[in-house]
Every structure is written in C-alpha cells, then in structure tokens.
Amino acid sequence: MRVIVFLGPSLAWEDARKALSGAEYLPPVARGDIIRAAEAGAKAIALIDGVFYQQAAVSHREILKAMELGSKVFGGSSMGALRASELDIYGMVGVGTIYEWYKSGKIRSDDEVALAFHPESLKPLSEPLVNIRATLEKALASGMINQQEHESILIAAKEVPFQLRNYPRILQKAIRLGLSSTRAGEILELIKNVRTDLKREDAIKVLERIREWGMVENADSWVK
C-alpha cells in the first residue's frame, strides 16, 4: 500500500521513519501535490508541512478531490492541522493538539504554524507561534512565569514576524512592551527547561495514526 507523507521542518525524515517506515517522504506540500499523489495511487496521504509564503498553498478543493479518488488524507502539526480543522467534516482525519486548537478556535491564523526553514535541509530557522504558546503554558503551569508575564511575552511573540521569531528576539520585544530586562534574562534561561516542540510531537502522532489505521484496514498489504 502506497503512503505519501509531506513533511519538512516539523520532523526530520530519519525520525519520521522510526514512527512510520515504508512510507514515501516528500518535502512540504505545495498547490497540486496532493492531487498528484492521489492520482499516483497513494492510499494514505499525510499532510503535515506545507508552503504558503513562497508558493501557492495546498487548496481545499484538491484535498477533497484526493479523497474522492480514494485516498485517506490525514493532517496535523502544521498546514495539515489547519486544513484538517476545515475539512474534517468531509472526511479528512485531523490529529494532534494543534489540530484541536484550530478546531476549537483557540488559534485561527496561518501565522500560528508559520516558520522559516532551510530550502535544502528543511531544518527550521525560526520558532513557530504554536510552540511558543505550548512553552509559555508549561512555564506558567510550573510557576516559572506569572499570568501577566505570559500574556506580555505572547503579545510580543505575535508582533515579531514569523520569519524572525526566536526567544531572544521575542523577549527583547517584551522589554520594549514593559518587561524588565533583568526578568527577561531570567525567563530566557528558565524556559530552556520547558521548551516544547509541539509541531514535532503532533507530526509523530500523525504518523502513528496512519500506522494504526493501516494495520487495521489493510492487514494483508500493510508495510510496517
């Protein structure tokens, strides 16, 4: 059974293969890639990462068409989470916390999962806002920061362009919004202990869901 996974900065391919071997891994999806995968005979398609800034993003229509052609489409972690929250009522399978955040309305914009990445290595070059949210929530729950600091840093993160987001730059922005420089330095050190890569976690969940589905639905032909 052919499985195609569109994956980039959310999870390294070598780590992805530990969760789901036997799949074909391709770079972040662009407009037209999903329908080509379905037409090539993919029985399962994982939409995790996708381009949107430098190329046309994957469209809703082509995902629907892929499902009409018989492909099971799974989404989570990044662009996949956004599209799944919009198309799960038509049969796309949404997976993970970020998908649930979009579905519930906790987050809404593409900017939440956007980041810059190296075009060849696909390694992330900035920090996505969903990861920052998860990290700040963990820091707040553990008592490392208070509610006011949480809100101030999150506002600062939103004001930094997604291509430039990293914790030092965000905390410098928070200083300009009123956080003391001394406290900003303390928080920068503290959050290293709770830094969360939510996109990576959700990407693994997508692959695990496909593996589970494949074992149940296609026991005779599934490649483990």
C-alpha atoms as a PDB file:
ATOM      1  CA  MET A   1       0.000   0.000   0.000  1.00  0.00           C
ATOM      2  CA  ARG A   2       1.432   3.346  -1.037  1.00  0.00           C
ATOM      3  CA  VAL A   3       1.684   6.006   1.674  1.00  0.00           C
ATOM      4  CA  ILE A   4       2.924   9.514   0.880  1.00  0.00           C
ATOM      5  CA  VAL A   5       3.933  11.949   3.621  1.00  0.00           C
ATOM      6  CA  PHE A   6       4.513  15.651   3.003  1.00  0.00           C
ATOM      7  CA  LEU A   7       6.951  16.615   5.726  1.00  0.00           C
ATOM      8  CA  GLY A   8       9.613  19.241   6.300  1.00  0.00           C
ATOM      9  CA  PRO A   9      10.719  21.286   9.303  1.00  0.00           C
ATOM     10  CA  SER A  10       8.256  19.782  11.777  1.00  0.00           C
ATOM     11  CA  LEU A  11      10.136  16.475  11.962  1.00  0.00           C
ATOM     12  CA  ALA A  12      13.328  15.130  10.399  1.00  0.00           C
ATOM     13  CA  TRP A  13      12.721  12.344   7.897  1.00  0.00           C
ATOM     14  CA  GLU A  14      15.059   9.954   9.700  1.00  0.00           C
ATOM     15  CA  ASP A  15      12.988  10.381  12.862  1.00  0.00           C
ATOM     16  CA  ALA A  16       9.762  10.078  10.887  1.00  0.00           C
ATOM     17  CA  ARG A  17      10.824   6.684   9.537  1.00  0.00           C
ATOM     18  CA  LYS A  18      11.126   5.420  13.105  1.00  0.00           C
ATOM     19  CA  ALA A  19       7.423   6.151  13.568  1.00  0.00           C
ATOM     20  CA  LEU A  20       6.316   5.056  10.086  1.00  0.00           C
ATOM     21  CA  SER A  21       8.619   3.030   7.891  1.00  0.00           C
ATOM     22  CA  GLY A  22       7.662   2.089   4.366  1.00  0.00           C
ATOM     23  CA  ALA A  23       6.190   5.492   3.567  1.00  0.00           C
ATOM     24  CA  GLU A  24       7.402   7.832   0.846  1.00  0.00           C
ATOM     25  CA  TYR A  25       8.567  11.133   2.323  1.00  0.00           C
ATOM     26  CA  LEU A  26       8.341  14.301   0.243  1.00  0.00           C
ATOM     27  CA  PRO A  27       9.085  17.992   1.028  1.00  0.00           C
ATOM     28  CA  PRO A  28       6.373  20.399   2.259  1.00  0.00           C
ATOM     29  CA  VAL A  29       3.284  20.251   0.077  1.00  0.00           C
ATOM     30  CA  ALA A  30       2.507  22.933  -2.482  1.00  0.00           C
ATOM     31  CA  ARG A  31      -0.509  23.552  -4.696  1.00  0.00           C
ATOM     32  CA  GLY A  32      -1.150  20.484  -6.864  1.00  0.00           C
ATOM     33  CA  ASP A  33       0.988  17.989  -4.922  1.00  0.00           C
ATOM     34  CA  ILE A  34      -1.894  16.319  -3.078  1.00  0.00           C
ATOM     35  CA  ILE A  35      -3.891  15.604  -6.196  1.00  0.00           C
ATOM     36  CA  ARG A  36      -0.793  14.262  -7.943  1.00  0.00           C
ATOM     37  CA  ALA A  37      -0.196  11.927  -5.002  1.00  0.00           C
ATOM     38  CA  ALA A  38      -3.764  10.653  -5.175  1.00  0.00           C
ATOM     39  CA  GLU A  39      -3.573  10.168  -8.932  1.00  0.00           C
ATOM     40  CA  ALA A  40      -0.317   8.233  -8.442  1.00  0.00           C
ATOM     41  CA  GLY A  41      -2.196   5.724  -6.307  1.00  0.00           C
ATOM     42  CA  ALA A  42      -1.496   6.807  -2.737  1.00  0.00           C
ATOM     43  CA  LYS A  43      -3.931   5.052  -0.401  1.00  0.00           C
ATOM     44  CA  ALA A  44      -2.912   7.254   2.515  1.00  0.00           C
ATOM     45  CA  ILE A  45      -1.605  10.820   2.350  1.00  0.00           C
ATOM     46  CA  ALA A  46      -0.190  12.652   5.347  1.00  0.00           C
ATOM     47  CA  LEU A  47      -0.304  16.421   5.090  1.00  0.00           C
ATOM     48  CA  ILE A  48       1.989  17.787   7.776  1.00  0.00           C
ATOM     49  CA  ASP A  49       4.075  20.649   6.389  1.00  0.00           C
ATOM     50  CA  GLY A  50       3.152  22.903   3.501  1.00  0.00           C
ATOM     51  CA  VAL A  51       4.420  26.027   1.789  1.00  0.00           C
ATOM     52  CA  PHE A  52       2.283  29.157   1.648  1.00  0.00           C
ATOM     53  CA  TYR A  53       4.540  32.183   1.589  1.00  0.00           C
ATOM     54  CA  GLN A  54       6.849  31.481  -1.341  1.00  0.00           C
ATOM     55  CA  GLN A  55       4.429  29.296  -3.362  1.00  0.00           C
ATOM     56  CA  ALA A  56       0.688  28.723  -3.627  1.00  0.00           C
ATOM     57  CA  ALA A  57      -0.615  26.720  -0.674  1.00  0.00           C
ATOM     58  CA  VAL A  58      -2.427  23.411  -0.979  1.00  0.00           C
ATOM     59  CA  SER A  59      -6.085  24.070  -1.753  1.00  0.00           C
ATOM     60  CA  HIS A  60      -9.178  22.692  -0.078  1.00  0.00           C
ATOM     61  CA  ARG A  61     -10.521  21.554  -3.433  1.00  0.00           C
ATOM     62  CA  GLU A  62      -7.572  19.308  -4.235  1.00  0.00           C
ATOM     63  CA  ILE A  63      -7.751  17.614  -0.836  1.00  0.00           C
ATOM     64  CA  LEU A  64     -11.438  16.928  -1.406  1.00  0.00           C
ATOM     65  CA  LYS A  65     -10.634  15.601  -4.880  1.00  0.00           C
ATOM     66  CA  ALA A  66      -7.923  13.326  -3.479  1.00  0.00           C
ATOM     67  CA  MET A  67     -10.433  11.841  -1.058  1.00  0.00           C
ATOM     68  CA  GLU A  68     -12.913  11.360  -3.907  1.00  0.00           C
ATOM     69  CA  LEU A  69     -10.217   9.384  -5.716  1.00  0.00           C
ATOM     70  CA  GLY A  70      -9.936   7.046  -2.733  1.00  0.00           C
ATOM     71  CA  SER A  71      -7.009   8.442  -0.759  1.00  0.00           C
ATOM     72  CA  LYS A  72      -7.321   8.679   3.019  1.00  0.00           C
ATOM     73  CA  VAL A  73      -5.946  12.108   3.942  1.00  0.00           C
ATOM     74  CA  PHE A  74      -4.522  12.760   7.404  1.00  0.00           C
ATOM     75  CA  GLY A  75      -3.466  16.167   8.702  1.00  0.00           C
ATOM     76  CA  GLY A  76      -1.757  17.581  11.741  1.00  0.00           C
ATOM     77  CA  SER A  77       1.121  19.584  13.198  1.00  0.00           C
ATOM     78  CA  SER A  78       1.311  22.459  10.725  1.00  0.00           C
ATOM     79  CA  MET A  79      -0.508  23.229   7.479  1.00  0.00           C
ATOM     80  CA  GLY A  80      -2.089  19.796   7.882  1.00  0.00           C
ATOM     81  CA  ALA A  81      -3.669  20.788  11.188  1.00  0.00           C
ATOM     82  CA  LEU A  82      -5.181  23.914   9.669  1.00  0.00           C
ATOM     83  CA  ARG A  83      -6.604  22.123   6.640  1.00  0.00           C
ATOM     84  CA  ALA A  84      -7.917  19.215   8.741  1.00  0.00           C
ATOM     85  CA  SER A  85      -9.791  21.596  11.041  1.00  0.00           C
ATOM     86  CA  GLU A  86     -11.556  22.945   7.947  1.00  0.00           C
ATOM     87  CA  LEU A  87     -12.140  19.652   6.131  1.00  0.00           C
ATOM     88  CA  ASP A  88     -12.665  17.015   8.826  1.00  0.00           C
ATOM     89  CA  ILE A  89     -16.424  17.218   8.256  1.00  0.00           C
ATOM     90  CA  TYR A  90     -15.734  15.898   4.740  1.00  0.00           C
ATOM     91  CA  GLY A  91     -13.572  13.010   5.881  1.00  0.00           C
ATOM     92  CA  MET A  92     -10.073  14.399   6.362  1.00  0.00           C
ATOM     93  CA  VAL A  93      -8.583  12.993   9.575  1.00  0.00           C
ATOM     94  CA  GLY A  94      -7.240  15.616  11.997  1.00  0.00           C
ATOM     95  CA  VAL A  95      -4.645  14.573  14.550  1.00  0.00           C
ATOM     96  CA  GLY A  96      -2.929  16.270  17.481  1.00  0.00           C
ATOM     97  CA  THR A  97      -3.099  19.255  19.793  1.00  0.00           C
ATOM     98  CA  ILE A  98      -2.582  21.918  17.123  1.00  0.00           C
ATOM     99  CA  TYR A  99      -5.460  20.498  15.089  1.00  0.00           C
ATOM    100  CA  GLU A 100      -7.615  20.606  18.233  1.00  0.00           C
ATOM    101  CA  TRP A 101      -6.573  24.229  18.875  1.00  0.00           C
ATOM    102  CA  TYR A 102      -7.654  25.229  15.365  1.00  0.00           C
ATOM    103  CA  LYS A 103     -10.879  23.245  15.649  1.00  0.00           C
ATOM    104  CA  SER A 104     -11.813  24.808  18.979  1.00  0.00           C
ATOM    105  CA  GLY A 105     -10.978  28.331  17.822  1.00  0.00           C
ATOM    106  CA  LYS A 106      -8.147  28.789  20.305  1.00  0.00           C
ATOM    107  CA  ILE A 107      -5.987  29.690  17.320  1.00  0.00           C
ATOM    108  CA  ARG A 108      -7.158  30.828  13.895  1.00  0.00           C
ATOM    109  CA  SER A 109      -4.475  32.210  11.598  1.00  0.00           C
ATOM    110  CA  ASP A 110      -1.899  30.524   9.352  1.00  0.00           C
ATOM    111  CA  ASP A 111       0.707  32.593  11.193  1.00  0.00           C
ATOM    112  CA  GLU A 112       0.392  30.320  14.224  1.00  0.00           C
ATOM    113  CA  VAL A 113       2.221  27.459  12.477  1.00  0.00           C
ATOM    114  CA  ALA A 114       4.363  29.508  10.094  1.00  0.00           C
ATOM    115  CA  LEU A 115       8.136  29.446  10.292  1.00  0.00           C
ATOM    116  CA  ALA A 116      11.191  29.930   8.112  1.00  0.00           C
ATOM    117  CA  PHE A 117      13.149  26.844   7.082  1.00  0.00           C
ATOM    118  CA  HIS A 118      16.232  25.998   5.039  1.00  0.00           C
ATOM    119  CA  PRO A 119      15.182  25.111   1.481  1.00  0.00           C
ATOM    120  CA  GLU A 120      17.574  22.160   1.207  1.00  0.00           C
ATOM    121  CA  SER A 121      17.932  20.687   4.691  1.00  0.00           C
ATOM    122  CA  LEU A 122      14.330  21.626   5.619  1.00  0.00           C
ATOM    123  CA  LYS A 123      15.559  22.491   9.128  1.00  0.00           C
ATOM    124  CA  PRO A 124      13.575  25.208  10.943  1.00  0.00           C
ATOM    125  CA  LEU A 125      15.159  28.652  11.151  1.00  0.00           C
ATOM    126  CA  SER A 126      12.551  30.310  13.386  1.00  0.00           C
ATOM    127  CA  GLU A 127      10.192  29.326  16.190  1.00  0.00           C
ATOM    128  CA  PRO A 128       6.515  28.761  15.320  1.00  0.00           C
ATOM    129  CA  LEU A 129       3.967  30.506  17.489  1.00  0.00           C
ATOM    130  CA  VAL A 130       2.236  27.249  18.462  1.00  0.00           C
ATOM    131  CA  ASN A 131       5.490  26.029  20.012  1.00  0.00           C
ATOM    132  CA  ILE A 132       5.863  29.319  21.851  1.00  0.00           C
ATOM    133  CA  ARG A 133       2.305  29.030  23.172  1.00  0.00           C
ATOM    134  CA  ALA A 134       2.926  25.500  24.421  1.00  0.00           C
ATOM    135  CA  THR A 135       6.195  26.510  26.060  1.00  0.00           C
ATOM    136  CA  LEU A 136       4.680  29.535  27.787  1.00  0.00           C
ATOM    137  CA  GLU A 137       1.719  27.489  29.022  1.00  0.00           C
ATOM    138  CA  LYS A 138       4.084  24.958  30.553  1.00  0.00           C
ATOM    139  CA  ALA A 139       6.177  27.729  32.127  1.00  0.00           C
ATOM    140  CA  LEU A 140       3.033  29.295  33.574  1.00  0.00           C
ATOM    141  CA  ALA A 141       1.736  25.988  34.936  1.00  0.00           C
ATOM    142  CA  SER A 142       5.080  25.270  36.612  1.00  0.00           C
ATOM    143  CA  GLY A 143       5.217  28.714  38.223  1.00  0.00           C
ATOM    144  CA  MET A 144       8.239  29.910  36.241  1.00  0.00           C
ATOM    145  CA  ILE A 145       6.287  32.901  34.958  1.00  0.00           C
ATOM    146  CA  ASN A 146       3.116  34.620  36.119  1.00  0.00           C
ATOM    147  CA  GLN A 147      -0.034  35.345  34.117  1.00  0.00           C
ATOM    148  CA  GLN A 148       0.948  38.904  33.274  1.00  0.00           C
ATOM    149  CA  GLU A 149       4.361  37.790  32.016  1.00  0.00           C
ATOM    150  CA  HIS A 150       2.733  35.023  29.988  1.00  0.00           C
ATOM    151  CA  GLU A 151       0.402  37.491  28.282  1.00  0.00           C
ATOM    152  CA  SER A 152       3.139  40.067  27.709  1.00  0.00           C
ATOM    153  CA  ILE A 153       5.522  37.587  26.093  1.00  0.00           C
ATOM    154  CA  LEU A 154       2.777  36.102  23.927  1.00  0.00           C
ATOM    155  CA  ILE A 155       1.822  39.569  22.682  1.00  0.00           C
ATOM    156  CA  ALA A 156       5.477  40.245  21.924  1.00  0.00           C
ATOM    157  CA  ALA A 157       5.758  36.960  20.021  1.00  0.00           C
ATOM    158  CA  LYS A 158       2.773  37.860  17.853  1.00  0.00           C
ATOM    159  CA  GLU A 159       4.356  41.207  16.973  1.00  0.00           C
ATOM    160  CA  VAL A 160       7.592  39.612  15.721  1.00  0.00           C
ATOM    161  CA  PRO A 161       7.324  38.485  12.052  1.00  0.00           C
ATOM    162  CA  PHE A 162       7.185  34.702  11.796  1.00  0.00           C
ATOM    163  CA  GLN A 163      10.469  34.540   9.829  1.00  0.00           C
ATOM    164  CA  LEU A 164      12.306  36.222  12.723  1.00  0.00           C
ATOM    165  CA  ARG A 165      10.716  34.569  15.733  1.00  0.00           C
ATOM    166  CA  ASN A 166      13.088  33.214  18.355  1.00  0.00           C
ATOM    167  CA  TYR A 167      13.095  33.538  22.121  1.00  0.00           C
ATOM    168  CA  PRO A 168      15.860  36.175  22.452  1.00  0.00           C
ATOM    169  CA  ARG A 169      14.162  38.425  19.890  1.00  0.00           C
ATOM    170  CA  ILE A 170      10.725  37.898  21.450  1.00  0.00           C
ATOM    171  CA  LEU A 171      11.980  38.776  24.921  1.00  0.00           C
ATOM    172  CA  GLN A 172      13.713  41.884  23.570  1.00  0.00           C
ATOM    173  CA  LYS A 173      10.335  42.882  22.163  1.00  0.00           C
ATOM    174  CA  ALA A 174       8.721  42.140  25.547  1.00  0.00           C
ATOM    175  CA  ILE A 175      11.209  44.501  27.201  1.00  0.00           C
ATOM    176  CA  ARG A 176      10.026  47.289  24.911  1.00  0.00           C
ATOM    177  CA  LEU A 177       6.475  46.418  25.975  1.00  0.00           C
ATOM    178  CA  GLY A 178       7.343  46.806  29.662  1.00  0.00           C
ATOM    179  CA  LEU A 179       9.051  43.630  30.889  1.00  0.00           C
ATOM    180  CA  SER A 180      12.213  44.418  32.847  1.00  0.00           C
ATOM    181  CA  SER A 181      15.469  43.448  31.172  1.00  0.00           C
ATOM    182  CA  THR A 182      16.566  41.559  34.280  1.00  0.00           C
ATOM    183  CA  ARG A 183      13.398  39.491  34.328  1.00  0.00           C
ATOM    184  CA  ALA A 184      13.606  38.885  30.583  1.00  0.00           C
ATOM    185  CA  GLY A 185      17.066  37.387  31.041  1.00  0.00           C
ATOM    186  CA  GLU A 186      15.796  35.164  33.848  1.00  0.00           C
ATOM    187  CA  ILE A 187      12.855  33.941  31.766  1.00  0.00           C
ATOM    188  CA  LEU A 188      15.105  33.218  28.789  1.00  0.00           C
ATOM    189  CA  GLU A 189      17.091  30.827  30.972  1.00  0.00           C
ATOM    190  CA  LEU A 190      14.044  29.357  32.714  1.00  0.00           C
ATOM    191  CA  ILE A 191      12.138  28.401  29.567  1.00  0.00           C
ATOM    192  CA  LYS A 192      15.041  26.318  28.310  1.00  0.00           C
ATOM    193  CA  ASN A 193      13.853  23.694  30.802  1.00  0.00           C
ATOM    194  CA  VAL A 194      10.291  23.596  29.474  1.00  0.00           C
ATOM    195  CA  ARG A 195      10.795  24.400  25.805  1.00  0.00           C
ATOM    196  CA  THR A 196       8.204  22.426  23.863  1.00  0.00           C
ATOM    197  CA  ASP A 197       8.267  21.386  20.212  1.00  0.00           C
ATOM    198  CA  LEU A 198       4.556  20.834  19.758  1.00  0.00           C
ATOM    199  CA  LYS A 199       4.787  20.595  15.983  1.00  0.00           C
ATOM    200  CA  ARG A 200       7.244  17.714  16.269  1.00  0.00           C
ATOM    201  CA  GLU A 201       5.052  15.916  18.789  1.00  0.00           C
ATOM    202  CA  ASP A 202       1.987  16.270  16.586  1.00  0.00           C
ATOM    203  CA  ALA A 203       3.847  15.169  13.452  1.00  0.00           C
ATOM    204  CA  ILE A 204       4.754  11.915  15.191  1.00  0.00           C
ATOM    205  CA  LYS A 205       1.124  11.485  16.235  1.00  0.00           C
ATOM    206  CA  VAL A 206       0.017  11.788  12.597  1.00  0.00           C
ATOM    207  CA  LEU A 207       2.433   9.068  11.515  1.00  0.00           C
ATOM    208  CA  GLU A 208       1.398   6.817  14.385  1.00  0.00           C
ATOM    209  CA  ARG A 209      -2.268   7.275  13.458  1.00  0.00           C
ATOM    210  CA  ILE A 210      -1.552   6.239   9.861  1.00  0.00           C
ATOM    211  CA  ARG A 211       0.344   3.182  11.061  1.00  0.00           C
ATOM    212  CA  GLU A 212      -2.549   2.152  13.295  1.00  0.00           C
ATOM    213  CA  TRP A 213      -5.078   2.744  10.519  1.00  0.00           C
ATOM    214  CA  GLY A 214      -3.033   0.781   8.031  1.00  0.00           C
ATOM    215  CA  MET A 215      -2.689  -2.202  10.312  1.00  0.00           C
ATOM    216  CA  VAL A 216      -6.439  -2.360  10.842  1.00  0.00           C
ATOM    217  CA  GLU A 217      -7.688  -1.509   7.370  1.00  0.00           C
ATOM    218  CA  ASN A 218      -5.036  -3.188   5.257  1.00  0.00           C
ATOM    219  CA  ALA A 219      -3.650  -6.026   7.324  1.00  0.00           C
ATOM    220  CA  ASP A 220      -2.691  -8.150   4.318  1.00  0.00           C
ATOM    221  CA  SER A 221      -0.768  -5.470   2.418  1.00  0.00           C
ATOM    222  CA  TRP A 222       0.486  -3.066   5.079  1.00  0.00           C
ATOM    223  CA  VAL A 223       4.237  -2.479   5.208  1.00  0.00           C
ATOM    224  CA  LYS A 224       5.254  -1.998   8.831  1.00  0.00           C
END
